[in-house]
């Protein structure tokens, strides 16, 4: 979960670094235009990946919390059952 959040920050850093780069003067006008289009697409794609990564991190966190809750409830139930016996009466169920 933490790695996913760190990757989002890293991706944002790369995107911001590219944003400061200029594409003019690389070559022909067509190449400059293509580079500018790529940079706009990259920005959109990077933002979408970042959003989805954050959503995934949240889902993983909720799954972890649910798992821990079920694990604690199971532990408590097993502990209660071990202390209270099998629940088949005072004679242990033998007749």
PDB file of N, CA and C in Angstrom:
ATOM      1  N   UNK A   1       0.832  -1.187   0.000  1.00  0.00           N
ATOM      2  CA  UNK A   1       0.000   0.000   0.000  1.00  0.00           C
ATOM      3  C   UNK A   1       0.879   1.254   0.000  1.00  0.00           C
ATOM      4  N   UNK A   2       1.893   1.242   0.854  1.00  0.00           N
ATOM      5  CA  UNK A   2       2.800   2.400   0.905  1.00  0.00           C
ATOM      6  C   UNK A   2       3.594   2.531  -0.387  1.00  0.00           C
ATOM      7  N   UNK A   3       3.985   1.400  -0.965  1.00  0.00           N
ATOM      8  CA  UNK A   3       4.735   1.437  -2.223  1.00  0.00           C
ATOM      9  C   UNK A   3       3.896   2.044  -3.338  1.00  0.00           C
ATOM     10  N   UNK A   4       2.608   1.723  -3.356  1.00  0.00           N
ATOM     11  CA  UNK A   4       1.731   2.300  -4.371  1.00  0.00           C
ATOM     12  C   UNK A   4       1.636   3.807  -4.209  1.00  0.00           C
ATOM     13  N   UNK A   5       1.526   4.246  -2.977  1.00  0.00           N
ATOM     14  CA  UNK A   5       1.441   5.696  -2.733  1.00  0.00           C
ATOM     15  C   UNK A   5       2.753   6.393  -3.110  1.00  0.00           C
ATOM     16  N   UNK A   6       3.879   5.746  -2.822  1.00  0.00           N
ATOM     17  CA  UNK A   6       5.178   6.327  -3.191  1.00  0.00           C
ATOM     18  C   UNK A   6       5.323   6.394  -4.703  1.00  0.00           C
ATOM     19  N   UNK A   7       4.819   5.358  -5.386  1.00  0.00           N
ATOM     20  CA  UNK A   7       4.935   5.362  -6.849  1.00  0.00           C
ATOM     21  C   UNK A   7       4.119   6.491  -7.452  1.00  0.00           C
ATOM     22  N   UNK A   8       2.991   6.814  -6.841  1.00  0.00           N
ATOM     23  CA  UNK A   8       2.192   7.939  -7.335  1.00  0.00           C
ATOM     24  C   UNK A   8       2.977   9.237  -7.195  1.00  0.00           C
ATOM     25  N   UNK A   9       3.616   9.431  -6.057  1.00  0.00           N
ATOM     26  CA  UNK A   9       4.421  10.637  -5.851  1.00  0.00           C
ATOM     27  C   UNK A   9       5.577  10.704  -6.846  1.00  0.00           C
ATOM     28  N   UNK A  10       6.201   9.564  -7.086  1.00  0.00           N
ATOM     29  CA  UNK A  10       7.307   9.513  -8.028  1.00  0.00           C
ATOM     30  C   UNK A  10       6.835   9.842  -9.436  1.00  0.00           C
ATOM     31  N   UNK A  11       5.701   9.291  -9.821  1.00  0.00           N
ATOM     32  CA  UNK A  11       5.140   9.560 -11.144  1.00  0.00           C
ATOM     33  C   UNK A  11       4.797  11.040 -11.300  1.00  0.00           C
ATOM     34  N   UNK A  12       4.258  11.634 -10.247  1.00  0.00           N
ATOM     35  CA  UNK A  12       3.961  13.070 -10.293  1.00  0.00           C
ATOM     36  C   UNK A  12       5.243  13.886 -10.445  1.00  0.00           C
ATOM     37  N   UNK A  13       6.318  13.451  -9.794  1.00  0.00           N
ATOM     38  CA  UNK A  13       7.594  14.152  -9.910  1.00  0.00           C
ATOM     39  C   UNK A  13       8.137  14.111 -11.329  1.00  0.00           C
ATOM     40  N   UNK A  14       8.039  12.949 -11.949  1.00  0.00           N
ATOM     41  CA  UNK A  14       8.494  12.811 -13.340  1.00  0.00           C
ATOM     42  C   UNK A  14       7.661  13.699 -14.253  1.00  0.00           C
ATOM     43  N   UNK A  15       6.359  13.670 -14.055  1.00  0.00           N
ATOM     44  CA  UNK A  15       5.466  14.476 -14.897  1.00  0.00           C
ATOM     45  C   UNK A  15       5.781  15.958 -14.754  1.00  0.00           C
ATOM     46  N   UNK A  16       6.014  16.418 -13.534  1.00  0.00           N
ATOM     47  CA  UNK A  16       6.327  17.836 -13.319  1.00  0.00           C
ATOM     48  C   UNK A  16       7.669  18.204 -13.942  1.00  0.00           C
ATOM     49  N   UNK A  17       8.623  17.295 -13.881  1.00  0.00           N
ATOM     50  CA  UNK A  17       9.924  17.554 -14.499  1.00  0.00           C
ATOM     51  C   UNK A  17       9.774  17.673 -16.013  1.00  0.00           C
ATOM     52  N   UNK A  18       8.949  16.812 -16.604  1.00  0.00           N
ATOM     53  CA  UNK A  18       8.707  16.891 -18.045  1.00  0.00           C
ATOM     54  C   UNK A  18       7.948  18.160 -18.413  1.00  0.00           C
ATOM     55  N   UNK A  19       7.090  18.605 -17.523  1.00  0.00           N
ATOM     56  CA  UNK A  19       6.302  19.803 -17.782  1.00  0.00           C
ATOM     57  C   UNK A  19       7.208  21.019 -17.957  1.00  0.00           C
ATOM     58  N   UNK A  20       8.309  21.042 -17.210  1.00  0.00           N
ATOM     59  CA  UNK A  20       9.243  22.163 -17.291  1.00  0.00           C
ATOM     60  C   UNK A  20      10.118  22.098 -18.541  1.00  0.00           C
ATOM     61  N   UNK A  21      10.152  20.939 -19.193  1.00  0.00           N
ATOM     62  CA  UNK A  21      10.942  20.804 -20.423  1.00  0.00           C
ATOM     63  C   UNK A  21      10.204  21.457 -21.570  1.00  0.00           C
ATOM     64  N   UNK A  22      10.958  22.045 -22.447  1.00  0.00           N
ATOM     65  CA  UNK A  22      10.333  22.621 -23.633  1.00  0.00           C
ATOM     66  C   UNK A  22      10.568  21.704 -24.811  1.00  0.00           C
ATOM     67  N   UNK A  23       9.641  21.739 -25.761  1.00  0.00           N
ATOM     68  CA  UNK A  23       9.753  20.870 -26.923  1.00  0.00           C
ATOM     69  C   UNK A  23      10.096  21.653 -28.176  1.00  0.00           C
ATOM     70  N   UNK A  24      10.106  22.943 -28.096  1.00  0.00           N
ATOM     71  CA  UNK A  24      10.402  23.732 -29.297  1.00  0.00           C
ATOM     72  C   UNK A  24      11.871  23.642 -29.635  1.00  0.00           C
ATOM     73  N   UNK A  25      12.149  23.663 -30.898  1.00  0.00           N
ATOM     74  CA  UNK A  25      13.519  23.655 -31.362  1.00  0.00           C
ATOM     75  C   UNK A  25      14.136  22.275 -31.466  1.00  0.00           C
ATOM     76  N   UNK A  26      13.352  21.227 -31.340  1.00  0.00           N
ATOM     77  CA  UNK A  26      13.895  19.878 -31.450  1.00  0.00           C
ATOM     78  C   UNK A  26      14.160  19.487 -32.897  1.00  0.00           C
ATOM     79  N   UNK A  27      13.443  20.092 -33.771  1.00  0.00           N
ATOM     80  CA  UNK A  27      13.586  19.721 -35.176  1.00  0.00           C
ATOM     81  C   UNK A  27      12.547  20.458 -36.000  1.00  0.00           C
ATOM     82  N   UNK A  28      11.876  19.723 -36.843  1.00  0.00           N
ATOM     83  CA  UNK A  28      10.862  20.318 -37.706  1.00  0.00           C
ATOM     84  C   UNK A  28       9.650  20.727 -36.890  1.00  0.00           C
ATOM     85  N   UNK A  29       8.815  21.548 -37.500  1.00  0.00           N
ATOM     86  CA  UNK A  29       7.576  21.959 -36.825  1.00  0.00           C
ATOM     87  C   UNK A  29       6.706  20.752 -36.507  1.00  0.00           C
ATOM     88  N   UNK A  30       6.684  19.757 -37.415  1.00  0.00           N
ATOM     89  CA  UNK A  30       5.890  18.551 -37.172  1.00  0.00           C
ATOM     90  C   UNK A  30       6.391  17.793 -35.948  1.00  0.00           C
ATOM     91  N   UNK A  31       7.705  17.695 -35.808  1.00  0.00           N
ATOM     92  CA  UNK A  31       8.280  17.004 -34.655  1.00  0.00           C
ATOM     93  C   UNK A  31       7.979  17.766 -33.372  1.00  0.00           C
ATOM     94  N   UNK A  32       8.125  19.087 -33.422  1.00  0.00           N
ATOM     95  CA  UNK A  32       7.806  19.901 -32.245  1.00  0.00           C
ATOM     96  C   UNK A  32       6.352  19.715 -31.840  1.00  0.00           C
ATOM     97  N   UNK A  33       5.453  19.690 -32.817  1.00  0.00           N
ATOM     98  CA  UNK A  33       4.029  19.521 -32.549  1.00  0.00           C
ATOM     99  C   UNK A  33       3.755  18.132 -31.959  1.00  0.00           C
ATOM    100  N   UNK A  34       4.390  17.118 -32.533  1.00  0.00           N
ATOM    101  CA  UNK A  34       4.207  15.750 -32.034  1.00  0.00           C
ATOM    102  C   UNK A  34       4.704  15.623 -30.591  1.00  0.00           C
ATOM    103  N   UNK A  35       5.819  16.249 -30.280  1.00  0.00           N
ATOM    104  CA  UNK A  35       6.359  16.213 -28.916  1.00  0.00           C
ATOM    105  C   UNK A  35       5.429  16.923 -27.941  1.00  0.00           C
ATOM    106  N   UNK A  36       4.870  18.029 -28.361  1.00  0.00           N
ATOM    107  CA  UNK A  36       3.932  18.763 -27.512  1.00  0.00           C
ATOM    108  C   UNK A  36       2.685  17.922 -27.249  1.00  0.00           C
ATOM    109  N   UNK A  37       2.178  17.270 -28.302  1.00  0.00           N
ATOM    110  CA  UNK A  37       1.008  16.388 -28.129  1.00  0.00           C
ATOM    111  C   UNK A  37       1.324  15.244 -27.176  1.00  0.00           C
ATOM    112  N   UNK A  38       2.520  14.664 -27.333  1.00  0.00           N
ATOM    113  CA  UNK A  38       2.926  13.570 -26.455  1.00  0.00           C
ATOM    114  C   UNK A  38       2.959  14.034 -25.009  1.00  0.00           C
ATOM    115  N   UNK A  39       3.505  15.212 -24.783  1.00  0.00           N
ATOM    116  CA  UNK A  39       3.610  15.725 -23.420  1.00  0.00           C
ATOM    117  C   UNK A  39       2.224  15.930 -22.808  1.00  0.00           C
ATOM    118  N   UNK A  40       1.268  16.398 -23.572  1.00  0.00           N
ATOM    119  CA  UNK A  40      -0.097  16.566 -23.074  1.00  0.00           C
ATOM    120  C   UNK A  40      -0.725  15.213 -22.763  1.00  0.00           C
ATOM    121  N   UNK A  41      -0.523  14.240 -23.657  1.00  0.00           N
ATOM    122  CA  UNK A  41      -1.051  12.896 -23.422  1.00  0.00           C
ATOM    123  C   UNK A  41      -0.402  12.262 -22.198  1.00  0.00           C
ATOM    124  N   UNK A  42       0.901  12.441 -22.054  1.00  0.00           N
ATOM    125  CA  UNK A  42       1.624  11.886 -20.921  1.00  0.00           C
ATOM    126  C   UNK A  42       1.075  12.467 -19.619  1.00  0.00           C
ATOM    127  N   UNK A  43       0.806  13.755 -19.610  1.00  0.00           N
ATOM    128  CA  UNK A  43       0.267  14.392 -18.409  1.00  0.00           C
ATOM    129  C   UNK A  43      -1.058  13.755 -18.037  1.00  0.00           C
ATOM    130  N   UNK A  44      -1.958  13.608 -19.006  1.00  0.00           N
ATOM    131  CA  UNK A  44      -3.258  13.001 -18.740  1.00  0.00           C
ATOM    132  C   UNK A  44      -3.089  11.560 -18.249  1.00  0.00           C
ATOM    133  N   UNK A  45      -2.270  10.786 -18.963  1.00  0.00           N
ATOM    134  CA  UNK A  45      -2.063   9.387 -18.588  1.00  0.00           C
ATOM    135  C   UNK A  45      -1.454   9.244 -17.204  1.00  0.00           C
ATOM    136  N   UNK A  46      -0.466  10.064 -16.902  1.00  0.00           N
ATOM    137  CA  UNK A  46       0.189  10.000 -15.597  1.00  0.00           C
ATOM    138  C   UNK A  46      -0.786  10.374 -14.480  1.00  0.00           C
ATOM    139  N   UNK A  47      -1.622  11.363 -14.718  1.00  0.00           N
ATOM    140  CA  UNK A  47      -2.613  11.740 -13.701  1.00  0.00           C
ATOM    141  C   UNK A  47      -3.614  10.607 -13.474  1.00  0.00           C
ATOM    142  N   UNK A  48      -4.051   9.956 -14.557  1.00  0.00           N
ATOM    143  CA  UNK A  48      -5.003   8.851 -14.431  1.00  0.00           C
ATOM    144  C   UNK A  48      -4.375   7.658 -13.705  1.00  0.00           C
ATOM    145  N   UNK A  49      -3.138   7.336 -14.044  1.00  0.00           N
ATOM    146  CA  UNK A  49      -2.446   6.243 -13.354  1.00  0.00           C
ATOM    147  C   UNK A  49      -2.310   6.578 -11.871  1.00  0.00           C
ATOM    148  N   UNK A  50      -1.986   7.820 -11.564  1.00  0.00           N
ATOM    149  CA  UNK A  50      -1.868   8.242 -10.172  1.00  0.00           C
ATOM    150  C   UNK A  50      -3.173   8.088  -9.416  1.00  0.00           C
ATOM    151  N   UNK A  51      -4.279   8.485 -10.033  1.00  0.00           N
ATOM    152  CA  UNK A  51      -5.591   8.349  -9.379  1.00  0.00           C
ATOM    153  C   UNK A  51      -5.921   6.879  -9.135  1.00  0.00           C
ATOM    154  N   UNK A  52      -5.688   6.049 -10.151  1.00  0.00           N
ATOM    155  CA  UNK A  52      -6.006   4.632 -10.013  1.00  0.00           C
ATOM    156  C   UNK A  52      -5.101   3.952  -8.993  1.00  0.00           C
ATOM    157  N   UNK A  53      -3.860   4.383  -8.916  1.00  0.00           N
ATOM    158  CA  UNK A  53      -2.935   3.837  -7.930  1.00  0.00           C
ATOM    159  C   UNK A  53      -3.404   4.183  -6.526  1.00  0.00           C
ATOM    160  N   UNK A  54      -3.838   5.409  -6.329  1.00  0.00           N
ATOM    161  CA  UNK A  54      -4.348   5.821  -5.015  1.00  0.00           C
ATOM    162  C   UNK A  54      -5.612   5.044  -4.662  1.00  0.00           C
ATOM    163  N   UNK A  55      -6.508   4.857  -5.634  1.00  0.00           N
ATOM    164  CA  UNK A  55      -7.723   4.065  -5.395  1.00  0.00           C
ATOM    165  C   UNK A  55      -7.362   2.638  -5.000  1.00  0.00           C
ATOM    166  N   UNK A  56      -6.390   2.055  -5.688  1.00  0.00           N
ATOM    167  CA  UNK A  56      -5.960   0.694  -5.382  1.00  0.00           C
ATOM    168  C   UNK A  56      -5.369   0.614  -3.980  1.00  0.00           C
ATOM    169  N   UNK A  57      -4.594   1.602  -3.602  1.00  0.00           N
ATOM    170  CA  UNK A  57      -4.018   1.633  -2.255  1.00  0.00           C
ATOM    171  C   UNK A  57      -5.124   1.691  -1.202  1.00  0.00           C
ATOM    172  N   UNK A  58      -6.164   2.461  -1.457  1.00  0.00           N
ATOM    173  CA  UNK A  58      -7.291   2.528  -0.524  1.00  0.00           C
ATOM    174  C   UNK A  58      -8.007   1.188  -0.417  1.00  0.00           C
ATOM    175  N   UNK A  59      -8.231   0.536  -1.556  1.00  0.00           N
ATOM    176  CA  UNK A  59      -8.899  -0.766  -1.563  1.00  0.00           C
ATOM    177  C   UNK A  59      -8.068  -1.787  -0.780  1.00  0.00           C
ATOM    178  N   UNK A  60      -6.764  -1.771  -0.988  1.00  0.00           N
ATOM    179  CA  UNK A  60      -5.885  -2.687  -0.264  1.00  0.00           C
ATOM    180  C   UNK A  60      -5.949  -2.411   1.231  1.00  0.00           C
ATOM    181  N   UNK A  61      -5.963  -1.144   1.609  1.00  0.00           N
ATOM    182  CA  UNK A  61      -6.059  -0.778   3.023  1.00  0.00           C
ATOM    183  C   UNK A  61      -7.364  -1.255   3.645  1.00  0.00           C
ATOM    184  N   UNK A  62      -8.464  -1.095   2.932  1.00  0.00           N
ATOM    185  CA  UNK A  62      -9.758  -1.556   3.439  1.00  0.00           C
ATOM    186  C   UNK A  62      -9.791  -3.072   3.548  1.00  0.00           C
ATOM    187  N   UNK A  63      -9.199  -3.763   2.568  1.00  0.00           N
ATOM    188  CA  UNK A  63      -9.136  -5.230   2.615  1.00  0.00           C
ATOM    189  C   UNK A  63      -8.316  -5.682   3.816  1.00  0.00           C
ATOM    190  N   UNK A  64      -7.202  -5.000   4.050  1.00  0.00           N
ATOM    191  CA  UNK A  64      -6.365  -5.333   5.202  1.00  0.00           C
ATOM    192  C   UNK A  64      -7.135  -5.143   6.503  1.00  0.00           C
ATOM    193  N   UNK A  65      -7.845  -4.037   6.608  1.00  0.00           N
ATOM    194  CA  UNK A  65      -8.617  -3.764   7.818  1.00  0.00           C
ATOM    195  C   UNK A  65      -9.703  -4.810   8.024  1.00  0.00           C
ATOM    196  N   UNK A  66     -10.374  -5.200   6.952  1.00  0.00           N
ATOM    197  CA  UNK A  66     -11.412  -6.223   7.045  1.00  0.00           C
ATOM    198  C   UNK A  66     -10.815  -7.563   7.459  1.00  0.00           C
ATOM    199  N   UNK A  67      -9.682  -7.899   6.874  1.00  0.00           N
ATOM    200  CA  UNK A  67      -9.014  -9.150   7.221  1.00  0.00           C
ATOM    201  C   UNK A  67      -8.652  -9.160   8.704  1.00  0.00           C
ATOM    202  N   UNK A  68      -8.083  -8.074   9.205  1.00  0.00           N
ATOM    203  CA  UNK A  68      -7.695  -8.001  10.611  1.00  0.00           C
ATOM    204  C   UNK A  68      -8.917  -8.114  11.523  1.00  0.00           C
ATOM    205  N   UNK A  69     -10.017  -7.498  11.116  1.00  0.00           N
ATOM    206  CA  UNK A  69     -11.245  -7.573  11.907  1.00  0.00           C
ATOM    207  C   UNK A  69     -11.763  -9.015  11.982  1.00  0.00           C
ATOM    208  N   UNK A  70     -11.793  -9.689  10.849  1.00  0.00           N
ATOM    209  CA  UNK A  70     -12.240 -11.087  10.822  1.00  0.00           C
ATOM    210  C   UNK A  70     -11.277 -11.964  11.607  1.00  0.00           C
ATOM    211  N   UNK A  71      -9.985 -11.718  11.467  1.00  0.00           N
ATOM    212  CA  UNK A  71      -8.978 -12.498  12.175  1.00  0.00           C
ATOM    213  C   UNK A  71      -9.149 -12.362  13.689  1.00  0.00           C
ATOM    214  N   UNK A  72      -9.379 -11.149  14.173  1.00  0.00           N
ATOM    215  CA  UNK A  72      -9.584 -10.928  15.611  1.00  0.00           C
ATOM    216  C   UNK A  72     -10.874 -11.587  16.098  1.00  0.00           C
ATOM    217  N   UNK A  73     -11.935 -11.493  15.300  1.00  0.00           N
ATOM    218  CA  UNK A  73     -13.205 -12.116  15.683  1.00  0.00           C
ATOM    219  C   UNK A  73     -13.054 -13.636  15.733  1.00  0.00           C
ATOM    220  N   UNK A  74     -12.342 -14.205  14.783  1.00  0.00           N
ATOM    221  CA  UNK A  74     -12.109 -15.652  14.771  1.00  0.00           C
ATOM    222  C   UNK A  74     -11.270 -16.070  15.965  1.00  0.00           C
ATOM    223  N   UNK A  75     -10.244 -15.298  16.260  1.00  0.00           N
ATOM    224  CA  UNK A  75      -9.400 -15.600  17.417  1.00  0.00           C
ATOM    225  C   UNK A  75     -10.220 -15.569  18.702  1.00  0.00           C
ATOM    226  N   UNK A  76     -11.074 -14.554  18.846  1.00  0.00           N
ATOM    227  CA  UNK A  76     -11.913 -14.447  20.043  1.00  0.00           C
ATOM    228  C   UNK A  76     -12.892 -15.618  20.131  1.00  0.00           C
ATOM    229  N   UNK A  77     -13.497 -15.993  19.017  1.00  0.00           N
ATOM    230  CA  UNK A  77     -14.448 -17.106  19.009  1.00  0.00           C
ATOM    231  C   UNK A  77     -13.761 -18.419  19.356  1.00  0.00           C
ATOM    232  N   UNK A  78     -12.575 -18.659  18.805  1.00  0.00           N
ATOM    233  CA  UNK A  78     -11.851 -19.884  19.112  1.00  0.00           C
ATOM    234  C   UNK A  78     -11.394 -19.919  20.565  1.00  0.00           C
ATOM    235  N   UNK A  79     -10.976 -18.780  21.071  1.00  0.00           N
ATOM    236  CA  UNK A  79     -10.559 -18.691  22.470  1.00  0.00           C
ATOM    237  C   UNK A  79     -11.740 -18.957  23.397  1.00  0.00           C
ATOM    238  N   UNK A  80     -12.885 -18.381  23.063  1.00  0.00           N
ATOM    239  CA  UNK A  80     -14.100 -18.589  23.868  1.00  0.00           C
ATOM    240  C   UNK A  80     -14.515 -20.064  23.826  1.00  0.00           C
ATOM    241  N   UNK A  81     -14.435 -20.669  22.660  1.00  0.00           N
ATOM    242  CA  UNK A  81     -14.815 -22.071  22.519  1.00  0.00           C
ATOM    243  C   UNK A  81     -13.860 -22.971  23.304  1.00  0.00           C
ATOM    244  N   UNK A  82     -12.580 -22.636  23.304  1.00  0.00           N
ATOM    245  CA  UNK A  82     -11.603 -23.441  24.034  1.00  0.00           C
ATOM    246  C   UNK A  82     -11.813 -23.338  25.533  1.00  0.00           C
ATOM    247  N   UNK A  83     -12.197 -22.191  26.014  1.00  0.00           N
ATOM    248  CA  UNK A  83     -12.430 -21.996  27.446  1.00  0.00           C
ATOM    249  C   UNK A  83     -13.751 -22.600  27.884  1.00  0.00           C
ATOM    250  N   UNK A  84     -14.751 -22.553  27.001  1.00  0.00           N
ATOM    251  CA  UNK A  84     -16.087 -23.025  27.361  1.00  0.00           C
ATOM    252  C   UNK A  84     -16.337 -24.470  27.004  1.00  0.00           C
ATOM    253  N   UNK A  85     -15.396 -25.139  26.435  1.00  0.00           N
ATOM    254  CA  UNK A  85     -15.606 -26.522  26.031  1.00  0.00           C
ATOM    255  C   UNK A  85     -16.262 -26.587  24.684  1.00  0.00           C
ATOM    256  N   UNK A  86     -16.790 -27.756  24.372  1.00  0.00           N
ATOM    257  CA  UNK A  86     -17.368 -27.972  23.045  1.00  0.00           C
ATOM    258  C   UNK A  86     -18.805 -27.521  22.969  1.00  0.00           C
ATOM    259  N   UNK A  87     -19.384 -27.145  24.109  1.00  0.00           N
ATOM    260  CA  UNK A  87     -20.765 -26.676  24.099  1.00  0.00           C
ATOM    261  C   UNK A  87     -21.775 -27.805  24.086  1.00  0.00           C
ATOM    262  N   UNK A  88     -21.345 -29.051  24.408  1.00  0.00           N
ATOM    263  CA  UNK A  88     -22.272 -30.182  24.372  1.00  0.00           C
ATOM    264  C   UNK A  88     -22.702 -30.620  25.755  1.00  0.00           C
ATOM    265  N   UNK A  89     -22.549 -29.743  26.720  1.00  0.00           N
ATOM    266  CA  UNK A  89     -23.050 -30.057  28.074  1.00  0.00           C
ATOM    267  C   UNK A  89     -21.904 -30.238  29.039  1.00  0.00           C
ATOM    268  N   UNK A  90     -22.242 -30.383  30.345  1.00  0.00           N
ATOM    269  CA  UNK A  90     -21.261 -30.473  31.389  1.00  0.00           C
ATOM    270  C   UNK A  90     -20.505 -31.793  31.357  1.00  0.00           C
ATOM    271  N   UNK A  91     -21.104 -32.832  30.833  1.00  0.00           N
ATOM    272  CA  UNK A  91     -20.449 -34.132  30.819  1.00  0.00           C
ATOM    273  C   UNK A  91     -19.571 -34.326  29.588  1.00  0.00           C
ATOM    274  N   UNK A  92     -19.419 -33.295  28.797  1.00  0.00           N
ATOM    275  CA  UNK A  92     -18.560 -33.370  27.635  1.00  0.00           C
ATOM    276  C   UNK A  92     -19.181 -34.110  26.480  1.00  0.00           C
ATOM    277  N   UNK A  93     -20.485 -34.393  26.576  1.00  0.00           N
ATOM    278  CA  UNK A  93     -21.173 -35.020  25.471  1.00  0.00           C
ATOM    279  C   UNK A  93     -21.171 -36.523  25.531  1.00  0.00           C
ATOM    280  N   UNK A  94     -20.546 -37.136  26.558  1.00  0.00           N
ATOM    281  CA  UNK A  94     -20.532 -38.603  26.630  1.00  0.00           C
ATOM    282  C   UNK A  94     -21.647 -39.083  27.535  1.00  0.00           C
ATOM    283  N   UNK A  95     -22.274 -40.145  27.145  1.00  0.00           N
ATOM    284  CA  UNK A  95     -23.359 -40.716  27.954  1.00  0.00           C
ATOM    285  C   UNK A  95     -23.164 -42.177  28.084  1.00  0.00           C
TER     286      UNK A  95
END
